Amino acid sequence: MSAAHHVRLLMLEDNPFDAELVERHLRRAQLDFSLAIVDDEKGFRSELENRDPDVILSDYHLPSFDGVTALRIARTLAPSTPFIFVSGSIGEERAVEALREGATDYVLKDRLHRLPSAIVRALAERRERVLRRNVENALRASEQRFQYAAAATREIIWDWNLTTSRIWFSAALRDHWGYDIDHQEADANWFEEHVQPDDRAGVWLSFYETVARKERWTAAFRFARANGTYSHVLARGMVVSDGSGEPTRVIGAVLDVTERLELEYQLEQVRRIESLGRVAATVAHEFNNVLMGILPLARVMSRTPGKEADIMRMASLITDSIARGRRLTEQILTFSKPVDPAMTQIALDEWLAGIVAEIRALAGKGVEVDMRIPRSLTVSIDPPQMQQVLSNLIINARHAMPEGGTITIAAEAEGEVVSLCVIDQGTGMPPEIVERIFDPLFTTKRSGTGLGLAVAQHIVARHHGSIRVRSTLGKGATFQILLPMSRVESRALTGTKP
């Protein structure tokens, strides 16, 4: 019998004949070892502090020292080293107490043939404990890295147990999505209920097909926040199987891509507008020429005396229609040839205070304008162009409140951007209108051209910003303009000198 490597033994024994007897049995068992023998507490402590024995052998009774005290010292100085009592007088009750104190084994001196196998077994158990501890430490470090990674991202990290249908979610579900779930754990039914109803069938079909094929899962759908609104998300997952190859878990992440999709949509809108503008400019120019050919004839008809009243009225209608057509062509031409903004750094509160009279005039009677603009918000804009954007939003808000109400203009800092909102108490818009609200030539007004908001979006984009809308039918609308914050103070456009 032999251990896997050379064994360093430390023996606490005051009887040299017993120590020689122990050594003889170990040699007979062909154990590869070296033996250090001590007979008192001082020597025992010195060996433990200066050497690293593989196994400790100890008598139970010593003249000035006892085995239980030695065991407690060993548990402090060498807690992972196996400790075996080798005694001629340890009883069963004391042996149980010794094992309870942390001893690995005990061998009676009249049965020393058991000692080599006890040492080999103790070493094997020690190696197993060390291996298990290393695995546990590696697992703990891996879990800690996972927890740090999950905490550092806004993505929802999830672990779906296919056996129990329970799903663990990272703290992002609470911190960024607003859900207060105990231990961030829910089930498959909870997840399904929060997927947008129109998307559920497709999500489940793709998920279970992926699990069956043991492939990676990718799906785009809408997922509800705690406040009831839906965000566009991109979900990815990896199927984990057990030893028999049966899928047991799916681990993945859910990324909110709403803002990215909005920016992509706005960029596509700008590109479409630019492309449409080039065509529209040509059409508008030719259309304007046609109108200019009709206008003189209509004026002659309206000024010729003796004509019937119906003819005079129709001539007047033709003149008015031509005037509207000319305004439309001018708007298209302006839209198709946008002017780069002449940027000026301004204090937002002072700029708005300078144009508030015009804003209130646009709002009209029966509509209040509530300004909530803090000081020290500085942006870089082209004031006339941005006033055009704001005027368009005010006019739209007024039309949305035929019975009157309040239009709120509010601003705040959001990180490195300034948020400027125009909020009305009007009729609101359904989702299908909200989705198309910035489309060129799309309008819900009988006399609208469908260019106002498209132009506004185009102007904001040229200011390196973005514009978005939130609205619920019957609950008004909020148009939000996001502009880069400027760190330079300015008092331009206020009509005063610093």
Protein backbone atom coordinates (compact mmCIF):
# COMPACT_ATOMS: atom_id res chain seq x y z
CA MET A 1 0.00 0.00 0.00
CA SER A 2 1.30 3.44 -0.90
CA ALA A 3 0.10 7.02 -1.06
CA ALA A 4 0.14 8.94 -4.33
CA HIS A 5 3.22 10.89 -3.21
CA HIS A 6 5.73 11.16 -0.41
CA VAL A 7 3.88 11.68 2.86
CA ARG A 8 5.18 14.04 5.54
CA LEU A 9 3.99 12.79 8.94
CA LEU A 10 4.04 14.68 12.24
CA MET A 11 3.69 12.46 15.30
CA LEU A 12 2.88 13.67 18.83
CA GLU A 13 4.10 10.80 21.04
CA ASP A 14 6.01 10.75 24.37
CA ASN A 15 6.79 6.99 24.26
CA PRO A 16 9.70 6.25 21.90
CA PHE A 17 8.87 2.51 21.83
CA ASP A 18 5.31 3.28 20.61
CA ALA A 19 6.73 5.70 18.03
CA GLU A 20 9.11 2.98 16.77
CA LEU A 21 6.26 0.51 16.60
CA VAL A 22 4.17 2.91 14.50
CA GLU A 23 7.11 3.57 12.15
CA ARG A 24 7.69 -0.21 11.74
CA HIS A 25 4.08 -0.82 10.67
CA LEU A 26 4.23 1.99 8.15
CA ARG A 27 7.49 0.67 6.65
CA ARG A 28 5.99 -2.79 6.44
CA ALA A 29 3.05 -1.33 4.46
CA GLN A 30 5.59 0.17 2.00
CA LEU A 31 4.29 3.66 2.62
CA ASP A 32 6.62 6.38 1.26
CA PHE A 33 6.91 8.74 4.23
CA SER A 34 9.08 10.84 6.49
CA LEU A 35 8.32 11.14 10.18
CA ALA A 36 8.87 14.06 12.60
CA ILE A 37 8.25 13.20 16.26
CA VAL A 38 7.49 15.70 19.07
CA ASP A 39 6.42 15.05 22.67
CA ASP A 40 5.18 18.39 24.03
CA GLU A 41 3.04 21.41 23.09
CA LYS A 42 5.98 23.68 22.29
CA GLY A 43 7.47 21.26 19.80
CA PHE A 44 4.04 20.55 18.32
CA ARG A 45 3.34 24.22 17.72
CA SER A 46 6.80 24.79 16.25
CA GLU A 47 6.36 21.99 13.72
CA LEU A 48 2.94 23.29 12.63
CA GLU A 49 4.20 26.86 12.29
CA ASN A 50 7.39 26.02 10.40
CA ARG A 51 6.49 22.91 8.41
CA ASP A 52 3.50 21.67 6.46
CA PRO A 53 2.78 18.06 7.42
CA ASP A 54 0.43 15.97 5.30
CA VAL A 55 -0.98 14.02 8.26
CA ILE A 56 -0.84 14.47 12.04
CA LEU A 57 -0.68 11.38 14.29
CA SER A 58 -1.28 11.98 17.99
CA ASP A 59 -1.46 10.00 21.20
CA TYR A 60 -4.53 10.73 23.30
CA HIS A 61 -2.78 10.83 26.70
CA LEU A 62 0.46 12.78 27.27
CA PRO A 63 2.15 13.68 30.59
CA SER A 64 1.81 17.49 30.20
CA PHE A 65 -0.40 17.68 27.14
CA ASP A 66 -3.54 15.93 25.89
CA GLY A 67 -4.68 14.94 22.43
CA VAL A 68 -7.90 17.01 22.40
CA THR A 69 -5.91 20.20 23.08
CA ALA A 70 -3.49 19.20 20.31
CA LEU A 71 -6.44 18.67 17.98
CA ARG A 72 -7.78 22.16 18.72
CA ILE A 73 -4.35 23.69 18.11
CA ALA A 74 -4.09 21.82 14.81
CA ARG A 75 -7.53 23.03 13.74
CA THR A 76 -6.24 26.58 14.22
CA LEU A 77 -2.74 26.32 12.74
CA ALA A 78 -3.36 23.62 10.08
CA PRO A 79 -7.12 23.34 9.60
CA SER A 80 -6.97 21.25 6.43
CA THR A 81 -4.43 18.69 7.70
CA PRO A 82 -5.90 15.25 8.62
CA PHE A 83 -5.59 14.43 12.33
CA ILE A 84 -5.54 10.76 13.40
CA PHE A 85 -5.49 9.64 17.04
CA VAL A 86 -3.18 6.69 17.69
CA SER A 87 -3.85 5.60 21.26
CA GLY A 88 -3.92 2.51 23.39
CA SER A 89 -6.59 3.67 25.81
CA ILE A 90 -9.15 5.82 23.92
CA GLY A 91 -12.63 4.56 24.58
CA GLU A 92 -15.64 4.68 22.30
CA GLU A 93 -17.13 7.72 24.04
CA ARG A 94 -13.87 9.66 23.80
CA ALA A 95 -13.40 8.56 20.21
CA VAL A 96 -16.83 9.99 19.28
CA GLU A 97 -15.94 13.22 21.08
CA ALA A 98 -12.65 13.39 19.18
CA LEU A 99 -14.39 12.94 15.83
CA ARG A 100 -16.88 15.60 16.82
CA GLU A 101 -13.97 17.97 17.58
CA GLY A 102 -12.65 17.44 14.04
CA ALA A 103 -10.44 14.36 14.15
CA THR A 104 -10.25 12.42 10.91
CA ASP A 105 -9.94 8.93 12.45
CA TYR A 106 -8.62 6.99 15.41
CA VAL A 107 -6.52 3.81 15.52
CA LEU A 108 -5.84 1.69 18.59
CA LYS A 109 -2.22 0.81 19.23
CA ASP A 110 -3.04 -2.87 19.38
CA ARG A 111 -4.47 -2.60 15.84
CA LEU A 112 -1.74 -0.65 14.07
CA HIS A 113 -2.22 -2.70 10.90
CA ARG A 114 -5.13 -0.30 10.21
CA LEU A 115 -2.93 2.81 10.37
CA PRO A 116 -1.47 2.78 6.81
CA SER A 117 -4.90 2.47 5.20
CA ALA A 118 -6.26 5.16 7.58
CA ILE A 119 -3.47 7.51 6.43
CA VAL A 120 -4.08 6.79 2.74
CA ARG A 121 -7.82 7.28 3.19
CA ALA A 122 -7.28 10.55 5.09
CA LEU A 123 -5.02 11.85 2.31
CA ALA A 124 -7.60 10.91 -0.33
CA GLU A 125 -10.34 12.70 1.61
CA ARG A 126 -8.07 15.74 1.97
CA ARG A 127 -7.40 15.84 -1.79
CA GLU A 128 -11.13 15.56 -2.40
CA ARG A 129 -11.85 18.40 0.03
CA VAL A 130 -9.19 20.60 -1.60
CA LEU A 131 -10.55 19.82 -5.07
CA ARG A 132 -14.12 20.51 -3.92
CA ARG A 133 -13.03 23.75 -2.26
CA ASN A 134 -11.22 24.84 -5.44
CA VAL A 135 -14.29 24.04 -7.51
CA GLU A 136 -16.52 25.90 -5.06
CA ASN A 137 -14.16 28.90 -5.08
CA ALA A 138 -14.07 28.89 -8.88
CA LEU A 139 -17.86 28.62 -8.99
CA ARG A 140 -18.21 31.39 -6.42
CA ALA A 141 -15.83 33.61 -8.42
CA SER A 142 -17.70 32.79 -11.63
CA GLU A 143 -21.04 33.59 -10.00
CA GLN A 144 -19.60 36.82 -8.61
CA ARG A 145 -18.34 37.83 -12.06
CA PHE A 146 -21.78 36.99 -13.47
CA GLN A 147 -23.47 39.09 -10.78
CA TYR A 148 -21.12 42.02 -11.45
CA ALA A 149 -21.71 41.72 -15.20
CA ALA A 150 -25.48 41.53 -14.69
CA ALA A 151 -25.40 44.59 -12.41
CA ALA A 152 -23.23 46.58 -14.81
CA THR A 153 -25.58 46.29 -17.79
CA ARG A 154 -29.06 47.60 -18.45
CA GLU A 155 -29.86 44.32 -20.15
CA ILE A 156 -32.14 41.90 -18.33
CA ILE A 157 -30.13 38.71 -17.75
CA TRP A 158 -32.42 35.70 -17.30
CA ASP A 159 -32.15 32.00 -16.48
CA TRP A 160 -35.18 29.94 -17.50
CA ASN A 161 -35.53 26.55 -15.74
CA LEU A 162 -37.45 24.41 -18.25
CA THR A 163 -38.17 21.76 -15.61
CA THR A 164 -39.90 24.08 -13.12
CA SER A 165 -40.88 26.89 -15.55
CA ARG A 166 -39.32 29.34 -13.10
CA ILE A 167 -37.31 32.26 -14.49
CA TRP A 168 -34.60 34.14 -12.60
CA PHE A 169 -34.05 37.77 -13.67
CA SER A 170 -31.16 40.11 -12.92
CA ALA A 171 -31.66 43.33 -10.96
CA ALA A 172 -32.17 45.25 -14.23
CA LEU A 173 -35.78 44.02 -14.16
CA ARG A 174 -36.26 46.14 -11.05
CA ASP A 175 -33.78 48.97 -11.61
CA HIS A 176 -34.57 49.76 -15.26
CA TRP A 177 -37.99 48.19 -15.89
CA GLY A 178 -39.71 48.96 -12.58
CA TYR A 179 -40.81 45.47 -11.51
CA ASP A 180 -40.62 44.62 -7.81
CA ILE A 181 -40.39 40.83 -7.94
CA ASP A 182 -39.20 38.85 -4.91
CA HIS A 183 -35.65 37.67 -5.57
CA GLN A 184 -36.18 38.70 -9.21
CA GLU A 185 -37.87 35.37 -9.95
CA ALA A 186 -41.10 34.74 -11.84
CA ASP A 187 -42.56 32.00 -14.01
CA ALA A 188 -43.31 31.40 -17.68
CA ASN A 189 -46.90 32.64 -17.29
CA TRP A 190 -45.68 35.99 -15.93
CA PHE A 191 -43.33 36.37 -18.87
CA GLU A 192 -46.06 35.50 -21.38
CA GLU A 193 -48.50 38.00 -19.87
CA HIS A 194 -45.99 40.82 -20.36
CA VAL A 195 -45.26 40.10 -24.02
CA GLN A 196 -47.41 42.31 -26.27
CA PRO A 197 -50.51 40.21 -27.16
CA ASP A 198 -49.94 40.47 -30.92
CA ASP A 199 -46.38 39.17 -30.48
CA ARG A 200 -47.03 36.25 -28.10
CA ALA A 201 -47.76 33.48 -30.60
CA GLY A 202 -44.63 34.18 -32.63
CA VAL A 203 -42.43 34.46 -29.53
CA TRP A 204 -43.57 31.14 -28.05
CA LEU A 205 -43.34 29.33 -31.38
CA SER A 206 -39.77 30.48 -31.99
CA PHE A 207 -38.78 29.76 -28.36
CA TYR A 208 -39.99 26.16 -28.23
CA GLU A 209 -38.73 25.39 -31.74
CA THR A 210 -35.30 26.64 -30.64
CA VAL A 211 -35.40 24.50 -27.47
CA ALA A 212 -36.39 21.42 -29.48
CA ARG A 213 -33.51 21.99 -31.90
CA LYS A 214 -31.11 23.00 -29.07
CA GLU A 215 -30.09 26.09 -30.99
CA ARG A 216 -29.52 29.69 -29.99
CA TRP A 217 -32.72 31.71 -29.63
CA THR A 218 -33.13 35.21 -31.04
CA ALA A 219 -36.43 37.08 -31.11
CA ALA A 220 -37.60 40.68 -31.43
CA PHE A 221 -40.87 41.63 -29.75
CA ARG A 222 -42.56 44.17 -27.50
CA PHE A 223 -42.36 43.75 -23.73
CA ALA A 224 -44.33 45.65 -21.08
CA ARG A 225 -42.72 47.88 -18.49
CA ALA A 226 -44.14 48.18 -14.99
CA ASN A 227 -45.86 51.46 -15.99
CA GLY A 228 -47.85 49.68 -18.71
CA THR A 229 -45.94 51.01 -21.73
CA TYR A 230 -44.33 48.63 -24.21
CA SER A 231 -40.70 48.71 -25.27
CA HIS A 232 -39.15 47.03 -28.27
CA VAL A 233 -36.70 44.36 -27.10
CA LEU A 234 -34.24 41.94 -28.62
CA ALA A 235 -34.00 38.64 -26.72
CA ARG A 236 -31.19 36.13 -27.10
CA GLY A 237 -30.81 32.80 -25.34
CA MET A 238 -28.66 29.66 -25.21
CA VAL A 239 -30.10 26.20 -24.50
CA VAL A 240 -28.34 24.23 -21.71
CA SER A 241 -28.74 20.44 -21.65
CA ASP A 242 -28.13 17.84 -18.93
CA GLY A 243 -25.80 14.85 -19.16
CA SER A 244 -28.27 12.91 -21.28
CA GLY A 245 -28.64 15.76 -23.76
CA GLU A 246 -32.10 16.79 -22.55
CA PRO A 247 -32.66 20.60 -22.54
CA THR A 248 -33.05 21.83 -18.95
CA ARG A 249 -32.42 25.60 -19.03
CA VAL A 250 -32.26 28.55 -21.35
CA ILE A 251 -29.93 31.38 -20.30
CA GLY A 252 -29.92 34.71 -22.09
CA ALA A 253 -30.49 38.45 -22.09
CA VAL A 254 -33.18 40.93 -23.10
CA LEU A 255 -31.96 44.23 -24.54
CA ASP A 256 -34.21 47.30 -24.81
CA VAL A 257 -33.77 48.53 -28.40
CA THR A 258 -36.59 51.09 -28.37
CA GLU A 259 -34.34 54.12 -28.46
CA ARG A 260 -32.14 52.60 -31.15
CA LEU A 261 -35.16 51.80 -33.32
CA GLU A 262 -36.47 55.34 -32.84
CA LEU A 263 -33.13 56.82 -33.89
CA GLU A 264 -32.95 54.48 -36.89
CA TYR A 265 -36.50 55.42 -37.82
CA GLN A 266 -35.73 59.13 -37.54
CA LEU A 267 -32.59 58.70 -39.63
CA GLU A 268 -34.59 56.85 -42.26
CA GLN A 269 -37.19 59.63 -42.15
CA VAL A 270 -34.50 62.25 -42.72
CA ARG A 271 -33.17 60.27 -45.67
CA ARG A 272 -36.64 59.84 -47.10
CA ILE A 273 -37.33 63.53 -46.63
CA GLU A 274 -34.12 64.47 -48.41
CA SER A 275 -34.93 62.11 -51.27
CA LEU A 276 -38.53 63.28 -51.42
CA GLY A 277 -37.38 66.88 -51.27
CA ARG A 278 -35.34 66.57 -54.42
CA VAL A 279 -38.36 65.22 -56.33
CA ALA A 280 -40.76 67.61 -54.65
CA ALA A 281 -38.66 70.63 -55.59
CA THR A 282 -38.98 69.81 -59.28
CA VAL A 283 -42.70 69.05 -59.01
CA ALA A 284 -43.36 72.17 -56.94
CA HIS A 285 -41.50 74.37 -59.41
CA GLU A 286 -43.49 73.04 -62.38
CA PHE A 287 -46.75 73.12 -60.42
CA ASN A 288 -46.09 76.72 -59.47
CA ASN A 289 -45.65 77.58 -63.16
CA VAL A 290 -49.05 76.04 -63.91
CA LEU A 291 -50.67 78.03 -61.11
CA MET A 292 -49.10 81.23 -62.34
CA GLY A 293 -50.64 80.55 -65.77
CA ILE A 294 -54.12 80.10 -64.28
CA LEU A 295 -54.01 83.05 -61.88
CA PRO A 296 -54.24 85.86 -64.46
CA LEU A 297 -57.26 84.24 -66.09
CA ALA A 298 -59.01 83.90 -62.73
CA ARG A 299 -58.31 87.56 -61.94
CA VAL A 300 -59.68 88.67 -65.31
CA MET A 301 -62.84 86.65 -64.67
CA SER A 302 -63.32 88.17 -61.22
CA ARG A 303 -62.77 91.78 -62.47
CA THR A 304 -64.90 91.67 -65.64
CA PRO A 305 -68.13 93.64 -65.03
CA GLY A 306 -71.51 92.20 -65.88
CA LYS A 307 -70.66 88.58 -65.15
CA GLU A 308 -73.11 86.33 -63.34
CA ALA A 309 -72.74 85.93 -59.58
CA ASP A 310 -71.96 82.21 -59.83
CA ILE A 311 -69.11 82.86 -62.25
CA MET A 312 -67.76 85.60 -60.00
CA ARG A 313 -67.92 83.25 -57.00
CA MET A 314 -66.15 80.47 -58.88
CA ALA A 315 -63.45 82.89 -60.01
CA SER A 316 -62.93 83.89 -56.37
CA LEU A 317 -62.69 80.22 -55.35
CA ILE A 318 -60.12 79.60 -58.10
CA THR A 319 -58.06 82.57 -56.88
CA ASP A 320 -58.17 81.32 -53.29
CA SER A 321 -57.20 77.78 -54.35
CA ILE A 322 -54.27 79.15 -56.35
CA ALA A 323 -53.14 81.12 -53.30
CA ARG A 324 -53.22 77.96 -51.17
CA GLY A 325 -51.38 76.06 -53.90
CA ARG A 326 -48.69 78.74 -53.99
CA ARG A 327 -48.26 78.55 -50.22
CA LEU A 328 -47.93 74.77 -50.49
CA THR A 329 -45.31 74.98 -53.25
CA GLU A 330 -43.36 77.55 -51.25
CA GLN A 331 -43.44 75.24 -48.23
CA ILE A 332 -42.30 72.29 -50.36
CA LEU A 333 -39.49 74.32 -51.89
CA THR A 334 -38.37 75.49 -48.46
CA PHE A 335 -38.60 71.92 -47.20
CA SER A 336 -36.67 70.50 -50.12
CA LYS A 337 -33.79 72.95 -49.74
CA PRO A 338 -33.15 73.08 -45.97
CA VAL A 339 -30.74 75.67 -44.67
CA ASP A 340 -27.99 74.55 -42.29
CA PRO A 341 -28.65 75.99 -38.82
CA ALA A 342 -26.65 79.03 -37.74
CA MET A 343 -25.87 77.79 -34.24
CA THR A 344 -25.89 80.18 -31.30
CA GLN A 345 -25.36 79.28 -27.65
CA ILE A 346 -28.30 80.48 -25.58
CA ALA A 347 -29.78 80.16 -22.13
CA LEU A 348 -33.00 78.26 -22.79
CA ASP A 349 -35.09 80.06 -20.16
CA GLU A 350 -34.11 83.50 -21.45
CA TRP A 351 -34.72 82.59 -25.09
CA LEU A 352 -38.20 81.24 -24.31
CA ALA A 353 -38.99 84.31 -22.19
CA GLY A 354 -38.18 86.43 -25.25
CA ILE A 355 -40.67 84.61 -27.50
CA VAL A 356 -43.38 83.78 -24.95
CA ALA A 357 -45.67 86.53 -26.28
CA GLU A 358 -45.59 84.99 -29.76
CA ILE A 359 -46.16 81.52 -28.29
CA ARG A 360 -49.25 82.71 -26.38
CA ALA A 361 -50.57 84.43 -29.50
CA LEU A 362 -50.24 81.18 -31.45
CA ALA A 363 -52.02 79.27 -28.67
CA GLY A 364 -55.00 81.58 -29.03
CA LYS A 365 -57.90 82.36 -26.75
CA GLY A 366 -59.02 79.77 -24.23
CA VAL A 367 -55.59 78.14 -24.10
CA GLU A 368 -53.15 78.77 -21.25
CA VAL A 369 -49.39 78.41 -21.70
CA ASP A 370 -47.52 77.14 -18.62
CA MET A 371 -43.73 77.59 -18.81
CA ARG A 372 -41.61 75.31 -16.60
CA ILE A 373 -38.05 76.11 -17.62
CA PRO A 374 -35.26 75.98 -15.02
CA ARG A 375 -32.27 78.27 -15.17
CA SER A 376 -28.79 77.25 -16.29
CA LEU A 377 -29.88 75.05 -19.22
CA THR A 378 -27.73 76.13 -22.13
CA VAL A 379 -28.10 74.78 -25.67
CA SER A 380 -26.65 75.58 -29.06
CA ILE A 381 -29.43 76.20 -31.64
CA ASP A 382 -30.50 78.27 -34.62
CA PRO A 383 -33.17 80.39 -32.84
CA PRO A 384 -35.42 81.12 -35.89
CA GLN A 385 -35.38 77.46 -36.98
CA MET A 386 -36.05 76.15 -33.48
CA GLN A 387 -38.83 78.73 -33.05
CA GLN A 388 -40.38 77.32 -36.23
CA VAL A 389 -40.33 73.85 -34.63
CA LEU A 390 -41.84 75.15 -31.38
CA SER A 391 -44.51 77.15 -33.26
CA ASN A 392 -45.57 74.06 -35.19
CA LEU A 393 -45.93 72.07 -31.96
CA ILE A 394 -47.94 74.86 -30.31
CA ILE A 395 -50.33 75.09 -33.30
CA ASN A 396 -50.82 71.29 -33.27
CA ALA A 397 -51.47 71.36 -29.52
CA ARG A 398 -54.04 74.15 -29.98
CA HIS A 399 -55.86 72.14 -32.68
CA ALA A 400 -55.89 69.12 -30.36
CA MET A 401 -57.78 71.16 -27.70
CA PRO A 402 -60.86 72.61 -29.43
CA GLU A 403 -62.47 73.21 -26.01
CA GLY A 404 -59.37 74.93 -24.62
CA GLY A 405 -56.95 73.82 -21.94
CA THR A 406 -53.31 74.22 -20.96
CA ILE A 407 -50.18 73.77 -23.01
CA THR A 408 -47.14 73.08 -20.83
CA ILE A 409 -43.64 73.82 -22.07
CA ALA A 410 -41.14 72.09 -19.76
CA ALA A 411 -37.41 71.48 -19.88
CA GLU A 412 -34.90 69.50 -17.84
CA ALA A 413 -31.41 68.07 -18.10
CA GLU A 414 -31.16 64.35 -18.87
CA GLY A 415 -27.49 63.44 -18.64
CA GLU A 416 -25.68 65.21 -21.47
CA VAL A 417 -28.86 66.32 -23.27
CA VAL A 418 -31.61 68.86 -22.65
CA SER A 419 -35.19 67.65 -22.89
CA LEU A 420 -37.70 70.27 -24.10
CA CYS A 421 -41.32 69.08 -24.00
CA VAL A 422 -44.59 70.49 -25.33
CA ILE A 423 -47.47 68.86 -23.47
CA ASP A 424 -51.15 69.31 -24.28
CA GLN A 425 -54.43 68.19 -22.69
CA GLY A 426 -56.04 67.39 -26.00
CA THR A 427 -57.77 64.42 -27.56
CA GLY A 428 -54.60 62.38 -27.93
CA MET A 429 -53.76 59.99 -30.74
CA PRO A 430 -54.14 56.24 -31.26
CA PRO A 431 -50.97 54.16 -31.82
CA GLU A 432 -51.46 53.93 -35.60
CA ILE A 433 -51.41 57.75 -35.85
CA VAL A 434 -48.43 58.10 -33.49
CA GLU A 435 -46.41 55.71 -35.66
CA ARG A 436 -46.91 57.90 -38.77
CA ILE A 437 -46.99 61.34 -37.19
CA PHE A 438 -43.62 62.42 -38.67
CA ASP A 439 -44.24 60.95 -42.13
CA PRO A 440 -44.02 63.59 -44.88
CA LEU A 441 -47.42 64.53 -46.36
CA PHE A 442 -49.27 62.56 -43.67
CA THR A 443 -51.94 64.61 -41.92
CA THR A 444 -55.17 64.19 -39.99
CA LYS A 445 -56.31 67.78 -40.67
CA ARG A 446 -58.60 68.67 -43.55
CA SER A 447 -56.51 71.68 -44.49
CA GLY A 448 -53.12 70.32 -43.41
CA THR A 449 -50.18 69.70 -45.72
CA GLY A 450 -48.53 66.96 -43.67
CA LEU A 451 -45.19 68.76 -43.80
CA GLY A 452 -45.10 70.62 -40.47
CA LEU A 453 -43.88 67.80 -38.25
CA ALA A 454 -41.68 66.34 -40.99
CA VAL A 455 -39.95 69.72 -41.29
CA ALA A 456 -39.69 69.93 -37.48
CA GLN A 457 -38.02 66.52 -37.34
CA HIS A 458 -35.66 67.54 -40.13
CA ILE A 459 -34.66 70.74 -38.31
CA VAL A 460 -34.08 68.95 -34.99
CA ALA A 461 -31.97 66.29 -36.73
CA ARG A 462 -29.79 69.06 -38.21
CA HIS A 463 -29.30 70.29 -34.64
CA HIS A 464 -27.86 66.83 -33.79
CA GLY A 465 -30.97 66.10 -31.73
CA SER A 466 -34.10 63.98 -31.92
CA ILE A 467 -37.84 64.45 -31.48
CA ARG A 468 -40.32 61.88 -30.26
CA VAL A 469 -43.96 61.74 -29.23
CA ARG A 470 -45.93 59.96 -26.50
CA SER A 471 -49.70 59.97 -26.67
CA THR A 472 -52.73 58.04 -25.47
CA LEU A 473 -56.15 58.47 -27.00
CA GLY A 474 -58.16 60.82 -24.80
CA LYS A 475 -55.16 61.76 -22.61
CA GLY A 476 -53.27 64.35 -24.62
CA ALA A 477 -49.83 64.21 -26.21
CA THR A 478 -46.24 65.02 -25.28
CA PHE A 479 -43.71 66.03 -27.93
CA GLN A 480 -40.16 65.75 -26.60
CA ILE A 481 -37.17 67.45 -28.24
CA LEU A 482 -33.75 66.20 -27.15
CA LEU A 483 -30.81 68.52 -27.83
CA PRO A 484 -27.13 68.28 -26.86
CA MET A 485 -26.37 70.33 -23.77
CA SER A 486 -23.93 73.22 -24.19
CA ARG A 487 -21.56 74.00 -21.32
CA VAL A 488 -21.00 77.63 -22.36
CA GLU A 489 -23.21 80.26 -20.79
CA SER A 490 -24.77 82.84 -23.16
CA ARG A 491 -27.16 85.70 -22.82
CA ALA A 492 -27.67 86.20 -26.56
CA LEU A 493 -31.19 86.80 -27.83
CA THR A 494 -32.48 88.10 -24.52
CA GLY A 495 -32.48 91.72 -25.56
CA THR A 496 -30.13 92.60 -22.69
CA LYS A 497 -26.42 92.95 -22.34
CA PRO A 498 -24.48 91.14 -19.66
